[in-house]
Amino acid sequence: MMHFDFQVGDLDSAVAEAVALGATPAEDQPQENVRVLLDPAGHPFCLCLDEG
């Protein structure tokens, strides 16, 4: 299994879009600038705030 990290410009909007597409936020969120989500099959991926 591979793990994907996606850089996004707006973390809240990216999470909302991912959830609308079927993702679920994971219970454990270890970092303030990263959101861990699960795809519909349960595979984790991260949305990372691009602060650059």
C-alpha atoms as a PDB file:
ATOM      1  CA  MET A   1       0.000   0.000   0.000  1.00  0.00           C
ATOM      2  CA  MET A   2       1.235   3.502  -0.796  1.00  0.00           C
ATOM      3  CA  HIS A   3       0.572   6.608   1.266  1.00  0.00           C
ATOM      4  CA  PHE A   4      -0.095   9.890  -0.519  1.00  0.00           C
ATOM      5  CA  ASP A   5       0.504  13.407   0.805  1.00  0.00           C
ATOM      6  CA  PHE A   6      -1.125  16.251  -1.122  1.00  0.00           C
ATOM      7  CA  GLN A   7      -0.063  19.876  -0.683  1.00  0.00           C
ATOM      8  CA  VAL A   8      -3.009  22.268  -0.633  1.00  0.00           C
ATOM      9  CA  GLY A   9      -3.355  26.032  -0.381  1.00  0.00           C
ATOM     10  CA  ASP A  10      -6.458  25.997   1.834  1.00  0.00           C
ATOM     11  CA  LEU A  11      -6.664  23.105   4.267  1.00  0.00           C
ATOM     12  CA  ASP A  12     -10.304  23.583   5.291  1.00  0.00           C
ATOM     13  CA  SER A  13     -11.536  23.772   1.684  1.00  0.00           C
ATOM     14  CA  ALA A  14      -9.466  20.753   0.660  1.00  0.00           C
ATOM     15  CA  VAL A  15     -10.839  18.696   3.551  1.00  0.00           C
ATOM     16  CA  ALA A  16     -14.400  19.730   2.683  1.00  0.00           C
ATOM     17  CA  GLU A  17     -13.879  18.740  -0.960  1.00  0.00           C
ATOM     18  CA  ALA A  18     -12.338  15.392  -0.012  1.00  0.00           C
ATOM     19  CA  VAL A  19     -15.228  14.648   2.359  1.00  0.00           C
ATOM     20  CA  ALA A  20     -17.729  15.561  -0.374  1.00  0.00           C
ATOM     21  CA  LEU A  21     -15.968  12.992  -2.586  1.00  0.00           C
ATOM     22  CA  GLY A  22     -16.293  10.242   0.048  1.00  0.00           C
ATOM     23  CA  ALA A  23     -13.272  10.638   2.345  1.00  0.00           C
ATOM     24  CA  THR A  24     -13.571  10.505   6.131  1.00  0.00           C
ATOM     25  CA  PRO A  25     -11.355  12.455   8.552  1.00  0.00           C
ATOM     26  CA  ALA A  26      -9.290  10.140  10.742  1.00  0.00           C
ATOM     27  CA  GLU A  27      -9.832  10.314  14.504  1.00  0.00           C
ATOM     28  CA  ASP A  28      -6.158  11.076  15.205  1.00  0.00           C
ATOM     29  CA  GLN A  29      -4.901  14.379  13.778  1.00  0.00           C
ATOM     30  CA  PRO A  30      -1.253  14.607  14.894  1.00  0.00           C
ATOM     31  CA  GLN A  31      -0.290  17.949  13.297  1.00  0.00           C
ATOM     32  CA  GLU A  32      -1.968  21.330  13.049  1.00  0.00           C
ATOM     33  CA  ASN A  33      -1.033  21.902   9.389  1.00  0.00           C
ATOM     34  CA  VAL A  34      -1.865  18.350   8.195  1.00  0.00           C
ATOM     35  CA  ARG A  35      -5.178  16.506   7.980  1.00  0.00           C
ATOM     36  CA  VAL A  36      -5.265  12.723   7.831  1.00  0.00           C
ATOM     37  CA  LEU A  37      -8.221  11.303   5.914  1.00  0.00           C
ATOM     38  CA  LEU A  38      -9.368   7.853   4.876  1.00  0.00           C
ATOM     39  CA  ASP A  39     -10.559   7.091   1.373  1.00  0.00           C
ATOM     40  CA  PRO A  40     -13.794   5.091   0.952  1.00  0.00           C
ATOM     41  CA  ALA A  41     -11.779   1.831   1.094  1.00  0.00           C
ATOM     42  CA  GLY A  42     -10.140   2.909   4.380  1.00  0.00           C
ATOM     43  CA  HIS A  43      -6.699   3.806   3.016  1.00  0.00           C
ATOM     44  CA  PRO A  44      -5.127   6.848   4.735  1.00  0.00           C
ATOM     45  CA  PHE A  45      -3.845   9.923   2.912  1.00  0.00           C
ATOM     46  CA  CYS A  46      -2.811  13.387   4.073  1.00  0.00           C
ATOM     47  CA  LEU A  47      -3.655  16.899   3.029  1.00  0.00           C
ATOM     48  CA  CYS A  48      -0.731  19.181   3.945  1.00  0.00           C
ATOM     49  CA  LEU A  49      -0.958  22.960   4.067  1.00  0.00           C
ATOM     50  CA  ASP A  50       1.473  24.514   1.577  1.00  0.00           C
ATOM     51  CA  GLU A  51       2.757  27.457   3.586  1.00  0.00           C
ATOM     52  CA  GLY A  52       5.240  28.498   0.880  1.00  0.00           C
END
